[in-house]
């Protein structure tokens, strides 16, 4: 079944896999879309891959981003990582009808993650008649270092620019896999969900996609946008007395392993609430490769962004992530420890008055009681790191968008909740990342019972219906529910639990306190 596919850049030959129903589909792994970002290209905006001669075999996963694997505790991947996977049921010589395309962007807090099929296996989504693409992008300092000196051409956001280059590759080549370049849905989870929203907001991504799904991530979450880490990192590595050009030369001279050792020590030294939020996207000064030059909330409220139908939402117990991170030896405030709430106040409130910050921190501490109440601790983490920003973004998008904004809360607690399964967490609720176990096959998935198959079918149907029709529950759907978008200021949401049910205003009591927080700054008072 292996067939040669002609791309704009050269020929490739892939393999086959089998979906959940036992049907075969074509698989093309680690197709390069960008030139190796090494040497003088390290930290810079990506360049398209050079054409090649002959037929490139794309049957192994050999181009994943260099990082420390949190489970294996060893370094994996390589710096030459700009690649993507494509999965399709039929190639053009087998069928001429073009299919909707879904492009997945992995998470990992902008410092880790990849498109590996051991984590994001295509076997569930490929039961539907779509073309699936999953992409890598540079993570950590390789993807998000930014340097003030404009002449050095390292303004930041290289990892997000990688994503744009990958989407341009999709536009150029996806017809060769029977994909419709005029019907592309981008979707992602965690930093991948925030990336999807960054792509919504960036002029450089205009016209590259037509629908968007943001899972547990928004540009308004406190871990998604910071000032340049270069100065602080240079201080940590004792390079801070050097001019910017010499700092850059030093960082380019390091092996990729040395760079990551320094990065990981730097992150640990900060004793953060969580390891994420230190090395992130930035707002750039205008420059020839700029991805983002304005504050996300300003762009959203202006309505001047890539306006497409959107699904967005979060899991009901995102905050269980803290214990997942602790179990894997990463930063994460442990039970009974004080949570440094001041680190996770919404960045766009721009609170600088120390007394005011102290008052707000006390208010949140008294409301959630995170040190005394384990559930309060999980709820505080859920709301501060995810829910408050995601809900704020959804409400603001719904006010200005010409297209529907569908909102969900994932509360399913069953056999395939991915992150809970990884650390045998038996507490109730759906952890950050748990919904991925119902969209993608992973290494931990062995026997799947009938009940879990039902939940997989439901998630896959909702997500692929949206990709096909722009509506997750079109008329005549077999899920027996109508998912209503946010309408007339009413935050309708679909609760995705053991049953599907519509409701309004998720976690309303807890969101009141975040609304009060936003009132502290006239600029955010209208959120």
Protein backbone atom coordinates (compact mmCIF):
# COMPACT_ATOMS: atom_id res chain seq x y z
CA UNK A 1 0.00 0.00 0.00
CA UNK A 2 3.08 2.28 0.21
CA UNK A 3 2.80 4.89 -2.52
CA UNK A 4 5.07 7.68 -3.66
CA UNK A 5 3.62 11.17 -3.20
CA UNK A 6 4.96 14.11 -5.20
CA UNK A 7 5.30 17.27 -3.09
CA UNK A 8 6.35 20.76 -4.16
CA UNK A 9 9.77 20.00 -2.59
CA UNK A 10 10.33 16.41 -3.77
CA UNK A 11 8.99 12.86 -3.58
CA UNK A 12 8.16 10.92 -0.41
CA UNK A 13 7.14 7.35 0.35
CA UNK A 14 5.24 6.44 3.53
CA UNK A 15 3.66 3.47 5.24
CA UNK A 16 0.29 2.33 6.55
CA UNK A 17 -1.45 2.08 9.92
CA UNK A 18 -4.74 0.63 11.12
CA UNK A 19 -7.51 2.71 12.72
CA UNK A 20 -9.69 1.82 15.72
CA UNK A 21 -12.20 0.07 13.43
CA UNK A 22 -9.53 -2.09 11.80
CA UNK A 23 -9.36 -0.12 8.53
CA UNK A 24 -6.03 0.78 6.94
CA UNK A 25 -4.86 4.33 6.20
CA UNK A 26 -1.73 5.97 4.76
CA UNK A 27 0.91 7.30 7.15
CA UNK A 28 3.73 9.76 6.34
CA UNK A 29 5.97 10.54 9.33
CA UNK A 30 8.35 13.43 9.93
CA UNK A 31 8.12 15.10 6.52
CA UNK A 32 10.50 18.08 6.72
CA UNK A 33 8.80 21.46 6.21
CA UNK A 34 11.62 23.79 7.30
CA UNK A 35 15.35 24.10 6.76
CA UNK A 36 17.39 22.80 9.73
CA UNK A 37 17.37 25.75 12.22
CA UNK A 38 21.00 25.22 13.25
CA UNK A 39 24.21 27.27 13.25
CA UNK A 40 23.46 30.88 12.29
CA UNK A 41 19.77 29.98 11.90
CA UNK A 42 19.48 28.98 15.59
CA UNK A 43 16.85 31.22 17.32
CA UNK A 44 15.87 32.84 13.98
CA UNK A 45 12.61 32.75 12.03
CA UNK A 46 12.43 29.51 10.01
CA UNK A 47 13.12 29.09 6.30
CA UNK A 48 11.31 26.65 3.99
CA UNK A 49 12.97 23.27 3.48
CA UNK A 50 15.24 22.92 0.45
CA UNK A 51 14.03 20.64 -2.37
CA UNK A 52 15.52 17.14 -2.50
CA UNK A 53 16.36 14.58 -5.18
CA UNK A 54 15.04 11.03 -5.25
CA UNK A 55 12.36 9.55 -2.96
CA UNK A 56 12.56 10.35 0.76
CA UNK A 57 11.34 7.52 3.00
CA UNK A 58 9.08 8.99 5.71
CA UNK A 59 8.26 5.95 7.83
CA UNK A 60 10.10 6.69 11.10
CA UNK A 61 9.84 9.43 13.73
CA UNK A 62 13.35 10.83 13.56
CA UNK A 63 12.76 14.58 13.66
CA UNK A 64 11.32 15.52 17.04
CA UNK A 65 12.33 18.64 19.02
CA UNK A 66 15.35 18.33 21.30
CA UNK A 67 14.26 18.25 24.96
CA UNK A 68 14.49 16.32 28.21
CA UNK A 69 11.87 13.58 28.22
CA UNK A 70 10.02 14.01 31.53
CA UNK A 71 9.13 10.32 31.82
CA UNK A 72 12.42 8.74 30.65
CA UNK A 73 14.50 11.53 32.32
CA UNK A 74 16.84 11.59 29.33
CA UNK A 75 17.42 13.85 26.35
CA UNK A 76 15.62 12.95 23.14
CA UNK A 77 15.14 14.52 19.72
CA UNK A 78 17.33 16.86 17.72
CA UNK A 79 17.69 20.51 16.80
CA UNK A 80 16.78 19.78 13.16
CA UNK A 81 13.14 19.14 14.08
CA UNK A 82 10.87 21.08 11.73
CA UNK A 83 8.70 18.22 10.53
CA UNK A 84 5.09 17.11 10.32
CA UNK A 85 3.07 13.91 10.01
CA UNK A 86 0.25 13.40 7.50
CA UNK A 87 -2.39 10.67 7.73
CA UNK A 88 -5.01 10.06 5.04
CA UNK A 89 -7.43 7.29 4.09
CA UNK A 90 -7.09 7.78 0.34
CA UNK A 91 -4.55 9.34 -2.00
CA UNK A 92 -5.61 11.18 -5.18
CA UNK A 93 -5.11 8.12 -7.42
CA UNK A 94 -7.62 6.23 -5.21
CA UNK A 95 -10.27 8.94 -4.81
CA UNK A 96 -10.63 12.47 -6.15
CA UNK A 97 -12.87 14.07 -3.47
CA UNK A 98 -10.94 16.48 -1.24
CA UNK A 99 -11.37 15.96 2.53
CA UNK A 100 -11.45 18.37 5.49
CA UNK A 101 -8.01 18.79 7.06
CA UNK A 102 -7.26 18.90 10.80
CA UNK A 103 -3.84 20.23 11.88
CA UNK A 104 -2.83 19.39 15.46
CA UNK A 105 -0.41 21.55 17.49
CA UNK A 106 1.02 19.80 20.56
CA UNK A 107 1.29 21.29 24.05
CA UNK A 108 4.10 21.27 26.60
CA UNK A 109 4.21 24.77 28.08
CA UNK A 110 6.35 26.03 25.16
CA UNK A 111 9.34 24.19 26.70
CA UNK A 112 8.64 20.57 25.73
CA UNK A 113 6.40 18.32 23.65
CA UNK A 114 6.37 16.84 20.16
CA UNK A 115 4.07 15.18 17.62
CA UNK A 116 5.19 11.64 18.49
CA UNK A 117 2.54 9.01 17.76
CA UNK A 118 3.25 7.27 21.08
CA UNK A 119 1.40 10.26 22.60
CA UNK A 120 -0.76 11.44 19.70
CA UNK A 121 -1.64 8.30 17.76
CA UNK A 122 -3.98 9.01 14.81
CA UNK A 123 -6.01 5.80 15.13
CA UNK A 124 -9.18 7.38 16.61
CA UNK A 125 -9.50 10.51 14.47
CA UNK A 126 -8.75 8.51 11.32
CA UNK A 127 -11.99 6.55 11.76
CA UNK A 128 -13.55 9.68 10.21
CA UNK A 129 -13.13 10.86 6.63
CA UNK A 130 -10.55 13.59 7.24
CA UNK A 131 -6.88 14.24 6.56
CA UNK A 132 -4.90 14.62 9.82
CA UNK A 133 -1.66 16.59 10.11
CA UNK A 134 0.40 16.99 13.30
CA UNK A 135 3.31 19.38 13.45
CA UNK A 136 6.38 20.09 15.55
CA UNK A 137 7.84 23.48 16.34
CA UNK A 138 10.90 24.59 18.29
CA UNK A 139 10.38 24.67 22.06
CA UNK A 140 12.30 26.22 24.95
CA UNK A 141 15.01 28.78 24.23
CA UNK A 142 15.48 27.42 20.70
CA UNK A 143 11.92 28.48 19.91
CA UNK A 144 11.37 31.46 22.19
CA UNK A 145 14.60 33.33 22.88
CA UNK A 146 14.21 37.03 22.10
CA UNK A 147 17.00 39.62 22.03
CA UNK A 148 16.50 43.39 22.25
CA UNK A 149 19.13 44.40 19.67
CA UNK A 150 17.07 44.50 16.47
CA UNK A 151 20.13 44.17 14.21
CA UNK A 152 20.65 40.60 15.48
CA UNK A 153 17.35 39.43 13.96
CA UNK A 154 16.23 37.39 17.00
CA UNK A 155 12.99 39.21 17.95
CA UNK A 156 11.39 36.08 19.46
CA UNK A 157 8.46 33.78 18.67
CA UNK A 158 10.51 31.55 16.34
CA UNK A 159 8.43 28.56 17.53
CA UNK A 160 5.17 30.28 16.51
CA UNK A 161 6.74 31.28 13.19
CA UNK A 162 7.54 27.57 12.69
CA UNK A 163 3.81 26.87 13.03
CA UNK A 164 3.00 29.46 10.33
CA UNK A 165 5.60 27.89 8.02
CA UNK A 166 4.03 24.45 8.63
CA UNK A 167 0.57 25.83 7.75
CA UNK A 168 2.01 27.31 4.54
CA UNK A 169 3.40 23.86 3.73
CA UNK A 170 -0.09 22.43 4.27
CA UNK A 171 -1.58 25.00 1.88
CA UNK A 172 1.03 24.11 -0.73
CA UNK A 173 0.97 20.32 -0.44
CA UNK A 174 -2.17 18.95 1.21
CA UNK A 175 -4.01 18.33 -2.10
CA UNK A 176 -1.40 15.63 -2.76
CA UNK A 177 -2.91 13.73 0.21
CA UNK A 178 -6.55 14.42 -0.80
CA UNK A 179 -6.81 17.28 1.70
CA UNK A 180 -8.83 20.41 0.97
CA UNK A 181 -6.62 23.52 1.39
CA UNK A 182 -9.82 25.58 1.69
CA UNK A 183 -11.13 23.61 4.69
CA UNK A 184 -8.44 23.51 7.37
CA UNK A 185 -9.12 23.31 11.11
CA UNK A 186 -6.24 24.00 13.49
CA UNK A 187 -6.52 22.47 16.96
CA UNK A 188 -4.24 22.17 19.95
CA UNK A 189 -4.14 21.58 23.69
CA UNK A 190 -2.41 23.54 26.49
CA UNK A 191 0.44 25.51 24.85
CA UNK A 192 -0.97 24.09 21.60
CA UNK A 193 -4.36 25.63 22.45
CA UNK A 194 -2.69 28.96 23.24
CA UNK A 195 -0.76 28.61 19.95
CA UNK A 196 -4.05 28.23 18.09
CA UNK A 197 -5.24 31.50 19.63
CA UNK A 198 -1.92 33.21 18.82
CA UNK A 199 -2.46 32.07 15.19
CA UNK A 200 -5.97 33.53 15.30
CA UNK A 201 -4.45 36.87 16.33
CA UNK A 202 -1.42 37.00 14.02
CA UNK A 203 -1.64 38.73 10.63
CA UNK A 204 1.07 36.33 9.40
CA UNK A 205 -1.38 33.39 9.67
CA UNK A 206 -4.19 35.09 7.73
CA UNK A 207 -5.90 32.77 5.24
CA UNK A 208 -3.99 29.67 6.36
CA UNK A 209 -6.92 28.05 8.24
CA UNK A 210 -10.71 28.23 8.41
CA UNK A 211 -11.72 26.94 11.87
CA UNK A 212 -10.00 26.67 15.24
CA UNK A 213 -10.24 24.54 18.41
CA UNK A 214 -8.50 25.74 21.60
CA UNK A 215 -8.26 23.06 24.29
CA UNK A 216 -7.15 24.22 27.76
CA UNK A 217 -5.05 27.12 26.52
CA UNK A 218 -5.50 30.81 25.72
CA UNK A 219 -3.26 33.82 25.16
CA UNK A 220 -4.87 35.25 28.32
CA UNK A 221 -3.49 32.50 30.57
CA UNK A 222 -0.66 33.78 32.82
CA UNK A 223 1.92 31.30 31.47
CA UNK A 224 1.63 32.27 27.78
CA UNK A 225 3.25 35.68 27.42
CA UNK A 226 6.23 37.24 29.17
CA UNK A 227 8.88 39.83 28.55
CA UNK A 228 12.09 38.65 26.95
CA UNK A 229 13.85 35.99 29.03
CA UNK A 230 17.21 36.73 27.36
CA UNK A 231 18.41 39.27 29.92
CA UNK A 232 17.56 37.13 32.95
CA UNK A 233 18.89 34.00 31.30
CA UNK A 234 22.13 35.80 30.39
CA UNK A 235 22.45 36.86 34.04
CA UNK A 236 21.94 33.27 35.16
CA UNK A 237 24.58 31.99 32.73
CA UNK A 238 27.03 34.78 33.74
CA UNK A 239 26.89 36.30 30.24
CA UNK A 240 25.04 39.46 31.28
CA UNK A 241 28.03 41.80 31.15
CA UNK A 242 28.48 41.10 27.45
CA UNK A 243 26.88 43.04 24.59
CA UNK A 244 23.85 41.34 23.00
CA UNK A 245 25.86 40.17 19.99
CA UNK A 246 28.35 38.33 22.21
CA UNK A 247 25.54 36.78 24.27
CA UNK A 248 24.03 35.48 21.02
CA UNK A 249 27.39 34.15 19.80
CA UNK A 250 27.91 32.35 23.13
CA UNK A 251 24.45 30.77 22.99
CA UNK A 252 25.05 29.67 19.38
CA UNK A 253 28.40 28.13 20.31
CA UNK A 254 26.82 25.91 22.98
CA UNK A 255 25.85 22.41 21.96
CA UNK A 256 22.11 21.87 22.05
CA UNK A 257 22.62 19.68 25.14
CA UNK A 258 24.57 22.42 26.96
CA UNK A 259 21.90 24.97 26.09
CA UNK A 260 19.15 22.75 27.49
CA UNK A 261 21.10 21.89 30.64
CA UNK A 262 21.45 25.62 31.29
CA UNK A 263 17.78 26.22 30.46
CA UNK A 264 16.59 23.51 32.87
CA UNK A 265 18.84 24.77 35.68
CA UNK A 266 17.54 28.29 35.03
CA UNK A 267 13.91 27.14 35.28
CA UNK A 268 14.61 25.18 38.48
CA UNK A 269 16.36 28.20 40.03
CA UNK A 270 13.19 30.25 39.73
CA UNK A 271 11.15 28.03 42.08
CA UNK A 272 8.05 28.74 40.07
CA UNK A 273 4.49 27.75 40.84
CA UNK A 274 4.87 25.56 37.74
CA UNK A 275 7.76 25.12 35.30
CA UNK A 276 5.84 26.85 32.54
CA UNK A 277 5.55 30.57 31.91
CA UNK A 278 9.21 31.56 31.95
CA UNK A 279 10.23 30.93 28.33
CA UNK A 280 7.26 31.98 26.23
CA UNK A 281 6.01 33.98 23.27
CA UNK A 282 6.57 37.74 23.45
CA UNK A 283 5.09 40.91 21.97
CA UNK A 284 7.64 41.89 19.32
CA UNK A 285 8.68 45.30 18.12
CA UNK A 286 7.58 45.67 14.49
CA UNK A 287 10.09 43.79 12.29
CA UNK A 288 10.11 41.99 8.92
CA UNK A 289 9.29 38.56 10.44
CA UNK A 290 6.96 39.80 13.22
CA UNK A 291 4.30 37.38 14.46
CA UNK A 292 2.73 39.45 17.27
CA UNK A 293 3.20 43.18 17.89
CA UNK A 294 0.16 44.01 20.07
CA UNK A 295 -1.38 42.69 23.29
CA UNK A 296 -3.65 39.69 22.64
CA UNK A 297 -6.65 41.17 24.49
CA UNK A 298 -6.39 44.40 22.47
CA UNK A 299 -6.44 42.42 19.22
CA UNK A 300 -9.38 40.29 20.39
CA UNK A 301 -11.44 43.29 21.49
CA UNK A 302 -10.73 45.14 18.24
CA UNK A 303 -12.22 42.23 16.28
CA UNK A 304 -9.35 42.62 13.81
CA UNK A 305 -8.10 39.06 13.82
CA UNK A 306 -8.49 35.90 11.73
CA UNK A 307 -12.20 35.56 12.30
CA UNK A 308 -13.28 31.91 12.00
CA UNK A 309 -15.65 29.56 13.86
CA UNK A 310 -14.10 28.52 17.20
CA UNK A 311 -14.49 25.79 19.82
CA UNK A 312 -12.78 26.47 23.14
CA UNK A 313 -12.93 25.16 26.69
CA UNK A 314 -11.18 23.49 29.60
CA UNK A 315 -11.30 20.43 31.87
CA UNK A 316 -13.13 20.64 35.19
CA UNK A 317 -10.03 19.76 37.28
CA UNK A 318 -7.16 21.25 35.27
CA UNK A 319 -5.37 21.88 38.58
CA UNK A 320 -4.65 18.18 39.10
CA UNK A 321 -1.76 18.99 36.74
CA UNK A 322 0.26 20.25 39.75
CA UNK A 323 0.48 16.78 41.24
CA UNK A 324 1.20 15.27 37.82
CA UNK A 325 4.19 17.62 37.48
CA UNK A 326 5.36 16.92 41.04
CA UNK A 327 5.13 13.16 40.42
CA UNK A 328 7.48 13.62 37.45
CA UNK A 329 9.95 15.72 39.44
CA UNK A 330 9.02 19.09 37.95
CA UNK A 331 8.12 22.28 39.78
CA UNK A 332 4.59 22.30 41.11
CA UNK A 333 3.43 23.44 44.55
CA UNK A 334 2.79 20.29 46.57
CA UNK A 335 -0.19 19.65 48.83
CA UNK A 336 0.12 21.64 52.05
CA UNK A 337 2.65 24.07 50.57
CA UNK A 338 1.85 27.73 50.11
CA UNK A 339 0.84 28.52 46.55
CA UNK A 340 2.60 31.70 45.31
CA UNK A 341 -0.63 33.26 44.06
CA UNK A 342 1.08 36.51 43.06
CA UNK A 343 2.82 34.57 40.25
CA UNK A 344 -0.49 33.64 38.63
CA UNK A 345 -2.55 36.83 38.74
CA UNK A 346 -3.78 37.73 35.22
CA UNK A 347 -0.84 39.50 33.54
CA UNK A 348 -3.06 41.88 31.58
CA UNK A 349 -4.37 43.52 34.80
CA UNK A 350 -0.83 44.94 35.05
CA UNK A 351 -0.98 45.31 38.84
CA UNK A 352 2.04 47.20 40.16
CA UNK A 353 0.80 48.46 43.55
CA UNK A 354 2.31 46.04 46.08
CA UNK A 355 -0.45 46.70 48.65
CA UNK A 356 -3.17 46.03 46.08
CA UNK A 357 -1.48 42.79 44.99
CA UNK A 358 -1.22 41.72 48.63
CA UNK A 359 -4.94 42.39 49.18
CA UNK A 360 -5.93 40.42 46.09
CA UNK A 361 -3.69 37.50 47.02
CA UNK A 362 -5.32 37.39 50.47
CA UNK A 363 -8.77 37.57 48.90
CA UNK A 364 -8.02 34.57 46.68
CA UNK A 365 -6.39 32.68 49.55
CA UNK A 366 -9.45 33.21 51.77
CA UNK A 367 -11.84 32.22 48.98
CA UNK A 368 -10.10 29.00 47.86
CA UNK A 369 -8.24 28.10 51.11
CA UNK A 370 -5.70 26.14 49.02
CA UNK A 371 -3.43 25.19 51.93
CA UNK A 372 -6.27 23.72 54.02
CA UNK A 373 -8.64 22.35 51.37
CA UNK A 374 -7.28 19.97 48.68
CA UNK A 375 -10.28 20.70 46.43
CA UNK A 376 -9.77 24.46 46.88
CA UNK A 377 -6.16 24.01 45.84
CA UNK A 378 -7.16 22.20 42.65
CA UNK A 379 -9.87 24.78 41.89
CA UNK A 380 -7.47 27.70 42.41
CA UNK A 381 -4.96 26.14 40.02
CA UNK A 382 -7.71 25.31 37.51
CA UNK A 383 -9.06 28.85 37.51
CA UNK A 384 -5.82 30.83 37.76
CA UNK A 385 -3.83 28.87 35.20
CA UNK A 386 -6.63 28.06 32.76
CA UNK A 387 -10.36 28.66 33.24
CA UNK A 388 -10.42 32.40 34.03
CA UNK A 389 -8.35 33.36 30.98
CA UNK A 390 -10.10 30.92 28.65
CA UNK A 391 -13.58 32.11 29.69
CA UNK A 392 -12.48 35.76 29.39
CA UNK A 393 -11.17 35.16 25.89
CA UNK A 394 -14.32 33.28 24.81
CA UNK A 395 -16.64 36.02 26.08
CA UNK A 396 -14.61 38.72 24.35
CA UNK A 397 -14.40 36.81 21.09
CA UNK A 398 -18.15 36.14 21.13
CA UNK A 399 -18.81 39.90 21.46
CA UNK A 400 -16.96 40.77 18.24
CA UNK A 401 -16.88 37.62 16.12
CA UNK A 402 -19.00 37.20 13.02
CA UNK A 403 -18.71 33.43 13.53
CA UNK A 404 -19.92 31.09 16.29
CA UNK A 405 -17.86 30.55 19.46
CA UNK A 406 -18.70 27.15 20.99
CA UNK A 407 -17.66 26.62 24.62
CA UNK A 408 -17.20 23.35 26.56
CA UNK A 409 -16.15 22.00 29.92
CA UNK A 410 -14.73 18.47 29.83
CA UNK A 411 -15.68 16.62 33.02
CA UNK A 412 -15.49 12.99 31.85
CA UNK A 413 -13.70 10.80 34.37
CA UNK A 414 -13.37 7.36 32.79
CA UNK A 415 -10.79 4.81 31.67
CA UNK A 416 -8.77 6.82 29.15
CA UNK A 417 -8.15 10.11 31.02
CA UNK A 418 -4.60 10.50 29.78
CA UNK A 419 -2.63 12.46 32.37
CA UNK A 420 -4.36 10.86 35.37
CA UNK A 421 -3.59 7.46 33.89
CA UNK A 422 0.10 8.33 33.52
CA UNK A 423 0.50 8.80 37.29
CA UNK A 424 -2.36 6.58 38.55
CA UNK A 425 -4.29 9.53 40.00
CA UNK A 426 -7.62 8.22 41.33
CA UNK A 427 -9.12 11.50 42.54
CA UNK A 428 -12.34 12.61 40.85
CA UNK A 429 -12.35 15.05 37.94
CA UNK A 430 -10.70 15.51 34.56
CA UNK A 431 -7.09 16.70 34.75
CA UNK A 432 -5.39 19.05 32.30
CA UNK A 433 -4.79 17.00 29.14
CA UNK A 434 -7.19 14.19 30.06
CA UNK A 435 -9.45 14.73 27.04
CA UNK A 436 -6.54 13.84 24.73
CA UNK A 437 -6.99 10.17 25.66
CA UNK A 438 -10.32 10.22 23.79
CA UNK A 439 -8.94 11.93 20.65
CA UNK A 440 -5.58 10.18 20.30
CA UNK A 441 -4.30 6.70 20.98
CA UNK A 442 -1.27 6.69 23.28
CA UNK A 443 1.28 4.30 24.70
CA UNK A 444 -0.87 3.60 27.78
CA UNK A 445 -3.93 2.58 25.76
CA UNK A 446 -4.20 -1.20 25.65
CA UNK A 447 -7.64 -2.76 25.92
CA UNK A 448 -10.49 -0.35 25.24
CA UNK A 449 -13.84 -1.32 26.74
CA UNK A 450 -17.19 -0.61 25.08
CA UNK A 451 -17.87 2.35 27.40
CA UNK A 452 -14.58 4.04 26.54
CA UNK A 453 -15.19 3.33 22.84
CA UNK A 454 -18.46 5.26 23.18
CA UNK A 455 -16.61 8.22 24.72
CA UNK A 456 -13.95 8.13 21.97
CA UNK A 457 -16.65 8.05 19.28
CA UNK A 458 -18.38 11.03 20.88
CA UNK A 459 -15.28 13.24 21.13
CA UNK A 460 -14.09 12.29 17.65
CA UNK A 461 -17.56 12.99 16.22
CA UNK A 462 -17.83 16.44 17.85
CA UNK A 463 -14.35 17.52 16.76
CA UNK A 464 -14.55 16.14 13.20
CA UNK A 465 -18.12 17.43 12.65
CA UNK A 466 -16.77 20.87 13.47
CA UNK A 467 -13.92 20.36 10.98
CA UNK A 468 -16.35 19.20 8.29
CA UNK A 469 -19.27 21.58 8.81
CA UNK A 470 -18.19 24.37 11.19
CA UNK A 471 -20.83 23.01 13.60
CA UNK A 472 -20.05 20.19 16.09
CA UNK A 473 -23.71 19.07 16.19
CA UNK A 474 -25.19 19.72 12.74
CA UNK A 475 -28.86 18.91 12.09
CA UNK A 476 -29.42 15.15 11.95
CA UNK A 477 -26.31 14.32 14.02
CA UNK A 478 -26.37 11.07 15.99
CA UNK A 479 -25.38 12.60 19.36
CA UNK A 480 -28.94 13.75 20.14
CA UNK A 481 -27.90 17.18 21.32
CA UNK A 482 -27.56 20.69 19.93
CA UNK A 483 -24.39 22.44 21.08
CA UNK A 484 -25.43 26.08 21.21
CA UNK A 485 -22.72 28.71 20.76
CA UNK A 486 -22.31 31.70 23.10
CA UNK A 487 -25.23 33.97 22.21
CA UNK A 488 -26.34 37.47 23.24
CA UNK A 489 -23.83 37.59 26.07
CA UNK A 490 -25.00 34.25 27.49
CA UNK A 491 -22.12 31.82 28.05
CA UNK A 492 -23.75 28.59 26.85
CA UNK A 493 -21.48 25.58 27.25
CA UNK A 494 -21.53 21.86 26.58
CA UNK A 495 -20.58 19.75 29.59
CA UNK A 496 -18.74 16.73 28.19
CA UNK A 497 -19.11 14.14 30.94
CA UNK A 498 -20.53 10.62 30.93
CA UNK A 499 -23.49 12.34 29.29
CA UNK A 500 -23.56 15.41 27.08
CA UNK A 501 -25.58 18.30 28.48
CA UNK A 502 -25.99 22.00 27.76
CA UNK A 503 -25.70 24.53 30.58
CA UNK A 504 -24.78 28.18 31.12
CA UNK A 505 -21.90 29.96 32.92
CA UNK A 506 -19.43 27.23 33.94
CA UNK A 507 -18.13 27.48 37.52
CA UNK A 508 -20.00 30.78 37.89
CA UNK A 509 -19.43 31.20 41.65
CA UNK A 510 -15.67 30.92 41.22
CA UNK A 511 -15.58 33.16 38.15
CA UNK A 512 -17.16 36.03 40.13
CA UNK A 513 -13.95 36.54 42.06
CA UNK A 514 -11.92 36.72 38.84
CA UNK A 515 -14.34 39.30 37.45
CA UNK A 516 -13.68 41.35 40.59
CA UNK A 517 -9.94 41.01 39.94
CA UNK A 518 -10.33 42.38 36.42
CA UNK A 519 -12.21 45.40 37.86
CA UNK A 520 -8.96 46.54 39.50
CA UNK A 521 -7.69 48.00 36.25
CA UNK A 522 -9.85 50.31 34.10
CA UNK A 523 -8.43 48.66 30.97
CA UNK A 524 -9.62 45.20 32.02
CA UNK A 525 -12.81 46.26 33.82
CA UNK A 526 -14.87 45.63 30.69
CA UNK A 527 -13.77 42.00 30.41
